[in-house]
Protein backbone atom coordinates (compact mmCIF):
# COMPACT_ATOMS: atom_id res chain seq x y z
CA UNK A 1 60.97 -20.67 40.23
CA UNK A 2 58.26 -21.62 42.74
CA UNK A 3 56.64 -18.24 42.26
CA UNK A 4 56.60 -18.73 38.49
CA UNK A 5 54.96 -22.14 38.87
CA UNK A 6 52.21 -20.68 41.07
CA UNK A 7 51.73 -17.86 38.59
CA UNK A 8 51.30 -20.29 35.69
CA UNK A 9 49.02 -22.47 37.82
CA UNK A 10 46.93 -19.41 38.62
CA UNK A 11 46.58 -18.55 34.94
CA UNK A 12 45.51 -22.10 34.16
CA UNK A 13 42.94 -22.10 36.95
CA UNK A 14 41.62 -18.73 35.77
CA UNK A 15 41.30 -19.99 32.18
CA UNK A 16 39.53 -23.12 33.35
CA UNK A 17 37.18 -20.98 35.43
CA UNK A 18 36.35 -18.81 32.41
CA UNK A 19 35.84 -21.82 30.17
CA UNK A 20 33.61 -23.50 32.73
CA UNK A 21 31.64 -20.28 33.19
CA UNK A 22 31.06 -20.07 29.46
CA UNK A 23 30.15 -23.74 29.21
CA UNK A 24 27.38 -23.22 31.74
CA UNK A 25 25.44 -21.19 29.14
CA UNK A 26 24.08 -24.26 27.41
CA UNK A 27 20.95 -24.38 25.29
CA UNK A 28 19.19 -25.96 28.25
CA UNK A 29 20.09 -23.00 30.46
CA UNK A 30 18.96 -20.54 27.79
CA UNK A 31 15.60 -22.29 27.38
CA UNK A 32 15.10 -22.29 31.14
CA UNK A 33 15.65 -18.53 31.20
CA UNK A 34 13.34 -18.04 28.21
CA UNK A 35 10.57 -19.93 29.99
CA UNK A 36 11.19 -17.84 33.12
CA UNK A 37 10.64 -14.52 31.29
CA UNK A 38 7.62 -15.70 29.28
CA UNK A 39 5.06 -14.06 31.58
CA UNK A 40 7.14 -10.86 31.69
CA UNK A 41 7.39 -10.43 27.91
CA UNK A 42 3.64 -10.96 27.51
CA UNK A 43 2.99 -8.26 30.10
CA UNK A 44 5.41 -5.88 28.39
CA UNK A 45 3.80 -6.49 25.03
CA UNK A 46 0.34 -5.97 26.52
CA UNK A 47 1.28 -2.66 28.13
CA UNK A 48 2.91 -1.33 24.99
CA UNK A 49 0.01 -2.46 22.84
CA UNK A 50 -2.47 -0.58 25.02
CA UNK A 51 -0.29 2.55 25.02
CA UNK A 52 0.92 3.04 21.41
CA UNK A 53 2.61 6.24 20.29
CA UNK A 54 3.40 7.61 16.85
CA UNK A 55 6.84 7.93 15.32
CA UNK A 56 8.96 10.57 17.01
CA UNK A 57 6.43 10.94 19.81
CA UNK A 58 7.20 7.79 21.80
CA UNK A 59 7.70 9.71 25.06
CA UNK A 60 5.67 7.42 27.35
CA UNK A 61 6.99 4.34 25.55
CA UNK A 62 10.60 5.46 26.00
CA UNK A 63 10.03 6.25 29.67
CA UNK A 64 8.47 2.83 30.29
CA UNK A 65 11.33 0.96 28.60
CA UNK A 66 13.99 3.03 30.35
CA UNK A 67 12.43 2.22 33.72
CA UNK A 68 12.57 -1.48 32.86
CA UNK A 69 16.25 -1.16 31.90
CA UNK A 70 17.00 0.72 35.12
CA UNK A 71 15.60 -2.19 37.11
CA UNK A 72 18.16 -4.37 35.32
CA UNK A 73 20.94 -2.02 36.38
CA UNK A 74 21.53 -0.77 32.83
CA UNK A 75 22.32 2.88 32.16
CA UNK A 76 20.60 4.49 29.19
CA UNK A 77 22.26 6.72 26.62
CA UNK A 78 19.67 8.93 24.96
CA UNK A 79 19.87 9.78 21.28
CA UNK A 80 18.45 12.88 19.62
CA UNK A 81 14.67 12.42 19.61
CA UNK A 82 13.13 9.56 21.57
CA UNK A 83 15.58 6.78 20.71
CA UNK A 84 18.20 5.42 23.10
CA UNK A 85 20.49 2.50 23.82
CA UNK A 86 21.94 0.68 26.82
CA UNK A 87 25.18 -1.30 27.11
CA UNK A 88 25.76 -4.49 29.05
CA UNK A 89 29.53 -4.51 29.67
CA UNK A 90 30.84 -7.82 31.01
CA UNK A 91 34.24 -6.16 31.64
CA UNK A 92 35.87 -9.10 29.90
CA UNK A 93 37.42 -8.83 26.41
CA UNK A 94 35.17 -9.92 23.59
CA UNK A 95 33.05 -8.69 20.75
CA UNK A 96 30.45 -5.93 20.82
CA UNK A 97 27.07 -7.15 19.59
CA UNK A 98 24.11 -4.87 18.86
CA UNK A 99 20.54 -6.09 19.40
CA UNK A 100 17.95 -3.75 17.90
CA UNK A 101 14.23 -3.06 18.16
CA UNK A 102 11.82 -0.35 17.01
CA UNK A 103 9.34 1.32 19.37
CA UNK A 104 6.81 3.33 17.31
CA UNK A 105 3.21 2.60 16.34
CA UNK A 106 1.06 3.49 13.32
CA UNK A 107 -1.71 6.07 12.69
CA UNK A 108 -4.34 3.34 12.28
CA UNK A 109 -7.53 2.94 14.31
CA UNK A 110 -7.41 -0.61 15.63
CA UNK A 111 -10.17 -3.16 15.12
CA UNK A 112 -10.79 -5.00 18.42
CA UNK A 113 -11.24 -8.23 16.45
CA UNK A 114 -8.51 -10.21 14.74
CA UNK A 115 -9.32 -12.67 11.95
CA UNK A 116 -11.31 -14.93 14.29
CA UNK A 117 -12.01 -13.48 17.72
CA UNK A 118 -11.63 -10.55 20.08
CA UNK A 119 -8.05 -9.49 20.64
CA UNK A 120 -6.43 -9.90 24.04
CA UNK A 121 -5.01 -6.38 23.92
CA UNK A 122 -6.47 -3.34 22.14
CA UNK A 123 -5.05 0.14 21.74
CA UNK A 124 -6.27 2.69 24.25
CA UNK A 125 -5.09 5.55 22.05
CA UNK A 126 -7.73 6.17 19.39
CA UNK A 127 -6.33 6.38 15.89
CA UNK A 128 -2.97 4.91 16.90
CA UNK A 129 -2.08 1.22 17.15
CA UNK A 130 0.69 -1.37 17.15
CA UNK A 131 -0.52 -3.19 14.04
CA UNK A 132 2.95 -3.93 12.71
CA UNK A 133 4.42 -5.76 15.69
CA UNK A 134 6.84 -3.25 17.19
CA UNK A 135 5.32 -3.86 20.62
CA UNK A 136 6.32 -7.50 20.25
CA UNK A 137 9.80 -6.58 19.01
CA UNK A 138 10.35 -4.41 22.09
CA UNK A 139 9.07 -7.11 24.43
CA UNK A 140 11.52 -9.55 22.83
CA UNK A 141 14.48 -7.21 23.34
CA UNK A 142 13.56 -6.45 26.95
CA UNK A 143 13.18 -10.17 27.62
CA UNK A 144 16.56 -10.82 26.02
CA UNK A 145 18.15 -8.03 28.08
CA UNK A 146 16.73 -9.53 31.26
CA UNK A 147 18.25 -12.92 30.47
CA UNK A 148 21.62 -11.61 29.32
CA UNK A 149 21.99 -9.50 32.46
CA UNK A 150 21.34 -12.64 34.51
CA UNK A 151 24.01 -14.49 32.50
CA UNK A 152 26.53 -11.64 32.61
CA UNK A 153 29.09 -13.56 34.68
CA UNK A 154 29.25 -16.24 32.01
CA UNK A 155 29.67 -13.84 29.09
CA UNK A 156 32.44 -11.76 27.57
CA UNK A 157 32.46 -8.56 25.55
CA UNK A 158 29.61 -6.06 25.35
CA UNK A 159 25.99 -6.22 24.29
CA UNK A 160 24.25 -3.06 23.09
CA UNK A 161 20.47 -2.93 23.39
CA UNK A 162 19.18 -0.53 20.71
CA UNK A 163 15.73 1.09 20.90
CA UNK A 164 15.08 2.99 17.68
CA UNK A 165 12.41 5.64 17.38
CA UNK A 166 10.29 6.27 14.31
CA UNK A 167 11.06 3.27 12.14
CA UNK A 168 7.82 3.79 10.22
CA UNK A 169 8.82 7.33 9.20
CA UNK A 170 12.63 7.01 9.25
CA UNK A 171 12.72 9.78 11.86
CA UNK A 172 15.22 8.20 14.24
CA UNK A 173 17.62 6.13 12.18
CA UNK A 174 20.11 8.86 11.22
CA UNK A 175 20.66 9.94 14.82
CA UNK A 176 20.88 6.35 16.03
CA UNK A 177 23.48 5.32 13.46
CA UNK A 178 25.67 8.29 14.33
CA UNK A 179 25.29 7.69 18.07
CA UNK A 180 26.33 4.05 17.74
CA UNK A 181 29.26 4.64 15.41
CA UNK A 182 31.84 5.24 18.21
CA UNK A 183 30.93 1.96 19.93
CA UNK A 184 32.74 -0.16 17.35
CA UNK A 185 30.02 -2.77 16.86
CA UNK A 186 31.13 -6.13 15.50
CA UNK A 187 27.65 -7.28 14.48
CA UNK A 188 24.03 -6.14 14.64
CA UNK A 189 21.06 -8.49 15.01
CA UNK A 190 17.42 -7.62 14.49
CA UNK A 191 14.15 -9.43 14.02
CA UNK A 192 10.66 -8.76 12.72
CA UNK A 193 7.50 -10.65 13.57
CA UNK A 194 5.97 -11.97 10.33
CA UNK A 195 2.26 -12.54 9.88
CA UNK A 196 2.42 -15.18 7.13
CA UNK A 197 4.88 -17.49 8.90
CA UNK A 198 3.62 -20.07 11.39
CA UNK A 199 4.31 -19.44 15.07
CA UNK A 200 7.68 -20.79 16.15
CA UNK A 201 9.17 -20.83 12.67
CA UNK A 202 12.06 -18.60 11.55
CA UNK A 203 12.97 -17.38 8.09
CA UNK A 204 16.51 -16.18 7.38
CA UNK A 205 18.32 -15.87 4.08
CA UNK A 206 21.62 -14.64 2.69
CA UNK A 207 21.48 -11.38 0.79
CA UNK A 208 18.42 -9.16 0.49
CA UNK A 209 15.54 -10.15 2.76
CA UNK A 210 13.54 -6.90 2.67
CA UNK A 211 13.16 -4.45 -0.19
CA UNK A 212 14.65 -1.05 -0.69
CA UNK A 213 12.17 1.70 -1.37
CA UNK A 214 12.01 4.92 -3.32
CA UNK A 215 9.47 7.71 -3.68
CA UNK A 216 7.84 8.68 -6.96
CA UNK A 217 6.80 12.34 -6.81
CA UNK A 218 6.53 14.72 -9.76
CA UNK A 219 4.26 17.26 -11.44
CA UNK A 220 3.30 17.34 -15.08
CA UNK A 221 3.03 21.06 -15.81
CA UNK A 222 0.97 22.67 -18.54
CA UNK A 223 -1.02 25.88 -18.72
CA UNK A 224 -4.51 26.19 -17.26
CA UNK A 225 -7.54 27.78 -18.81
CA UNK A 226 -11.24 27.51 -19.58
CA UNK A 227 -12.44 24.03 -20.47
CA UNK A 228 -14.51 25.42 -23.34
CA UNK A 229 -11.31 26.31 -25.26
CA UNK A 230 -8.77 23.56 -24.60
CA UNK A 231 -6.87 24.74 -27.64
CA UNK A 232 -5.93 27.92 -25.78
CA UNK A 233 -4.47 25.95 -22.88
CA UNK A 234 -1.89 23.18 -22.50
CA UNK A 235 -3.78 20.43 -20.77
CA UNK A 236 -1.57 18.51 -18.29
CA UNK A 237 -4.33 15.97 -17.60
CA UNK A 238 -3.97 14.26 -20.99
CA UNK A 239 -0.20 14.57 -20.76
CA UNK A 240 -0.20 12.92 -17.31
CA UNK A 241 -2.45 10.11 -18.58
CA UNK A 242 -0.02 9.43 -21.42
CA UNK A 243 2.94 9.62 -19.03
CA UNK A 244 1.38 6.89 -16.91
CA UNK A 245 0.73 4.71 -19.96
CA UNK A 246 4.25 5.29 -21.24
CA UNK A 247 5.80 4.43 -17.87
CA UNK A 248 3.83 1.19 -17.72
CA UNK A 249 4.95 0.14 -21.22
CA UNK A 250 8.58 1.09 -20.59
CA UNK A 251 8.55 -0.78 -17.28
CA UNK A 252 7.76 -4.00 -19.10
CA UNK A 253 10.09 -3.48 -22.05
CA UNK A 254 13.09 -1.38 -21.01
CA UNK A 255 14.37 -2.95 -17.81
CA UNK A 256 15.94 -6.21 -16.67
CA UNK A 257 13.01 -8.54 -16.02
CA UNK A 258 15.24 -10.97 -14.12
CA UNK A 259 15.54 -8.46 -11.25
CA UNK A 260 12.53 -7.69 -9.09
CA UNK A 261 11.51 -4.03 -9.34
CA UNK A 262 7.94 -3.09 -8.54
CA UNK A 263 6.24 0.19 -9.42
CA UNK A 264 3.18 1.28 -7.48
CA UNK A 265 1.54 4.49 -8.67
CA UNK A 266 -0.84 5.46 -5.88
CA UNK A 267 -1.68 9.13 -6.45
CA UNK A 268 -2.89 11.27 -9.34
CA UNK A 269 -4.10 14.73 -8.37
CA UNK A 270 -5.11 17.41 -10.83
CA UNK A 271 -7.91 19.94 -11.07
CA UNK A 272 -10.79 20.76 -8.75
CA UNK A 273 -13.49 22.26 -10.99
CA UNK A 274 -15.22 20.61 -13.95
CA UNK A 275 -14.82 23.55 -16.33
CA UNK A 276 -11.24 24.61 -15.49
CA UNK A 277 -8.13 23.05 -17.02
CA UNK A 278 -5.52 22.88 -14.22
CA UNK A 279 -1.98 24.15 -14.45
CA UNK A 280 -0.48 20.85 -13.30
CA UNK A 281 -1.14 17.24 -12.33
CA UNK A 282 0.71 15.48 -9.51
CA UNK A 283 1.77 11.82 -9.82
CA UNK A 284 2.99 9.90 -6.77
CA UNK A 285 3.85 6.38 -5.74
CA UNK A 286 6.68 4.08 -4.77
CA UNK A 287 9.29 1.73 -6.18
CA UNK A 288 10.49 -1.41 -4.37
CA UNK A 289 13.68 -3.28 -5.24
CA UNK A 290 16.20 -5.79 -3.90
CA UNK A 291 19.14 -4.59 -5.99
CA UNK A 292 20.24 -1.00 -5.32
CA UNK A 293 21.65 -0.44 -8.80
CA UNK A 294 18.44 -1.70 -10.39
CA UNK A 295 16.48 0.74 -8.23
CA UNK A 296 18.59 3.62 -9.52
CA UNK A 297 18.00 2.46 -13.09
CA UNK A 298 14.27 2.38 -12.43
CA UNK A 299 14.23 6.02 -11.38
CA UNK A 300 16.34 7.01 -14.38
CA UNK A 301 13.78 5.32 -16.64
CA UNK A 302 10.91 7.09 -14.90
CA UNK A 303 12.53 10.48 -15.35
CA UNK A 304 13.36 9.98 -19.02
CA UNK A 305 9.97 8.61 -20.07
CA UNK A 306 8.06 11.27 -18.09
CA UNK A 307 10.05 14.15 -19.57
CA UNK A 308 9.93 12.83 -23.15
CA UNK A 309 6.18 12.22 -23.15
CA UNK A 310 5.42 15.50 -21.39
CA UNK A 311 7.49 17.33 -24.00
CA UNK A 312 5.44 15.72 -26.78
CA UNK A 313 2.38 17.39 -25.21
CA UNK A 314 4.15 20.75 -24.81
CA UNK A 315 4.32 20.16 -21.07
CA UNK A 316 7.22 19.99 -18.67
CA UNK A 317 7.95 17.86 -15.61
CA UNK A 318 9.02 19.04 -12.18
CA UNK A 319 10.48 16.34 -9.95
CA UNK A 320 10.08 16.82 -6.19
CA UNK A 321 13.10 16.75 -3.90
CA UNK A 322 11.92 13.46 -2.37
CA UNK A 323 11.87 11.75 -5.77
CA UNK A 324 14.43 8.94 -5.59
CA UNK A 325 15.69 6.16 -3.33
CA UNK A 326 14.71 6.57 0.30
CA UNK A 327 15.95 3.32 1.83
CA UNK A 328 18.31 0.58 0.65
CA UNK A 329 17.31 -3.10 0.88
CA UNK A 330 17.97 -5.03 4.08
CA UNK A 331 20.89 -7.23 3.04
CA UNK A 332 22.02 -9.99 5.39
CA UNK A 333 25.68 -10.82 5.89
CA UNK A 334 26.21 -14.45 4.81
CA UNK A 335 28.41 -15.38 7.79
CA UNK A 336 25.96 -13.89 10.27
CA UNK A 337 23.09 -15.71 8.57
CA UNK A 338 24.87 -18.97 9.30
CA UNK A 339 25.54 -17.84 12.87
CA UNK A 340 21.86 -16.97 13.35
CA UNK A 341 20.74 -20.30 11.90
CA UNK A 342 23.15 -22.18 14.14
CA UNK A 343 21.97 -20.24 17.20
CA UNK A 344 18.31 -20.96 16.48
CA UNK A 345 18.93 -24.63 15.77
CA UNK A 346 20.67 -25.01 19.12
CA UNK A 347 17.32 -24.21 20.75
CA UNK A 348 14.74 -25.11 18.11
CA UNK A 349 16.36 -27.67 15.77
CA UNK A 350 13.50 -28.03 13.29
CA UNK A 351 12.22 -24.46 13.18
CA UNK A 352 14.34 -22.73 10.53
CA UNK A 353 12.64 -22.58 7.11
CA UNK A 354 14.14 -21.57 3.78
CA UNK A 355 11.21 -20.90 1.42
CA UNK A 356 11.95 -17.65 -0.42
CA UNK A 357 8.25 -16.85 -0.69
CA UNK A 358 8.78 -15.11 2.66
CA UNK A 359 11.06 -12.41 1.24
CA UNK A 360 9.31 -9.17 2.17
CA UNK A 361 8.65 -6.26 -0.21
CA UNK A 362 8.30 -3.83 2.68
CA UNK A 363 11.26 -1.61 3.58
CA UNK A 364 13.03 -1.36 6.95
CA UNK A 365 15.43 1.15 8.49
CA UNK A 366 17.42 -1.83 9.78
CA UNK A 367 19.17 -1.62 6.40
CA UNK A 368 21.19 1.30 7.75
CA UNK A 369 22.88 -0.73 10.50
CA UNK A 370 25.03 -2.44 7.88
CA UNK A 371 26.88 0.89 7.70
CA UNK A 372 28.19 0.16 11.20
CA UNK A 373 28.91 -3.57 11.09
CA UNK A 374 27.84 -6.82 9.41
CA UNK A 375 24.15 -7.30 10.18
CA UNK A 376 21.49 -9.98 10.08
CA UNK A 377 17.70 -9.68 10.14
CA UNK A 378 15.43 -12.62 10.92
CA UNK A 379 11.69 -13.16 10.60
CA UNK A 380 9.80 -14.73 13.51
CA UNK A 381 6.46 -16.34 12.70
CA UNK A 382 3.26 -15.27 14.50
CA UNK A 383 0.57 -16.91 12.33
CA UNK A 384 -1.92 -19.06 14.22
CA UNK A 385 -5.20 -19.79 12.45
CA UNK A 386 -6.85 -21.15 15.59
CA UNK A 387 -6.09 -17.92 17.43
CA UNK A 388 -6.90 -15.64 14.50
CA UNK A 389 -3.46 -14.07 14.10
CA UNK A 390 -2.23 -13.78 10.53
CA UNK A 391 -3.77 -10.57 9.19
CA UNK A 392 -1.35 -8.55 7.09
CA UNK A 393 0.85 -5.96 8.77
CA UNK A 394 -0.54 -2.39 8.82
CA UNK A 395 -4.04 -3.89 8.85
CA UNK A 396 -6.51 -3.00 11.62
CA UNK A 397 -7.11 -6.72 12.33
CA UNK A 398 -3.38 -7.49 12.72
CA UNK A 399 -2.67 -9.50 15.87
CA UNK A 400 0.17 -11.50 17.42
CA UNK A 401 0.25 -15.03 18.74
CA UNK A 402 2.11 -14.22 21.95
CA UNK A 403 3.56 -17.74 22.05
CA UNK A 404 5.86 -16.47 19.29
CA UNK A 405 7.58 -13.98 21.59
CA UNK A 406 9.54 -16.62 23.50
CA UNK A 407 10.97 -17.94 20.23
CA UNK A 408 12.14 -14.45 19.35
CA UNK A 409 13.75 -14.06 22.77
CA UNK A 410 15.50 -17.43 22.58
CA UNK A 411 16.94 -16.77 19.13
CA UNK A 412 18.18 -13.32 20.10
CA UNK A 413 19.76 -14.47 23.34
CA UNK A 414 21.52 -17.45 21.78
CA UNK A 415 22.84 -15.32 18.92
CA UNK A 416 24.23 -12.79 21.41
CA UNK A 417 25.82 -15.49 23.56
CA UNK A 418 27.47 -17.10 20.54
CA UNK A 419 28.52 -13.71 19.22
CA UNK A 420 30.38 -12.42 22.26
CA UNK A 421 32.86 -15.27 22.34
CA UNK A 422 36.30 -14.18 23.46
CA UNK A 423 38.55 -12.91 20.68
């Protein structure tokens, strides 16, 4: 009987110890850690910004990040290509939370000036630059990893730090999703710096927050010949012109106008010589949508109208293999949205905004993580008029207010802490 009492007492003491350990991770403690890594995340962002690498070629970037993780005592699991992940295992039962970043840059020659002044950091790799913010995303995740490793004794479950290659070209997402599948993730969190949101503000919403995208790519095919006798040829140029007009009219009259679906025709290529009728004309572009079914309907409409009008001109249409949906919308899980909002408000009570003007028509491979677990994507503001940050993403004047990085770190850390509560 005495032994049983001591056993029960031991269990109670252990539970109290665990509860006290978890209580120690207060918002005050988190903010103290965020302030402590502020210099570090700025240095990380600066290094990455000066050493950008294109999608699928992030060899130096991957090596740099992996060295940083090694200093934290985290082992890296490499994925096919240049992507990888690392797991912080608290060795206590709990949930498995994924925290994701992207590590690639863009084929854009950077302007050393932002909207107002000289940038603090400028790419040292001509023709390649971090003008979308992935350098900042990576700095945020490394800063979060540093803090969470320090707080390991007070946490439960596992945290997976995900470093995805080639987000801009979709080159790494398939391999990453398959590599993570066996880990049994319970939730995945990601963030994107946003150039039209003020520094320190966060935008999160239920449902679609970033658009799905699809590729328009087809040829209108006729029969070439001498321009002096168009009657002996089948001119695909006129057919293509009518196809474009017909698509535009159908877009306004044959689809649900209550659902956002944008069509951007960006390429028309046909013919090279003034007196030769070409055999074909290429038409290319993109569709953006927030409802997957509506995106499919949009492509069906494009195909039908193109084929019908081409036929009226005795032409045919050849659709390229890439014609169709390339990426689904980023759709936030409603429960995780509330969790993310709660986490942010614990640290920054007045900083969550809800204006739907900040929904983004760009696409993101983060959409694929919802195949593994409920996911949530947040926008972190970087706009600072006094500093000159606020140029659109993928613009050579794009720049980051580095004060925004600490907000991104704080939100990510608090979400992870709240998420790995004991089951």
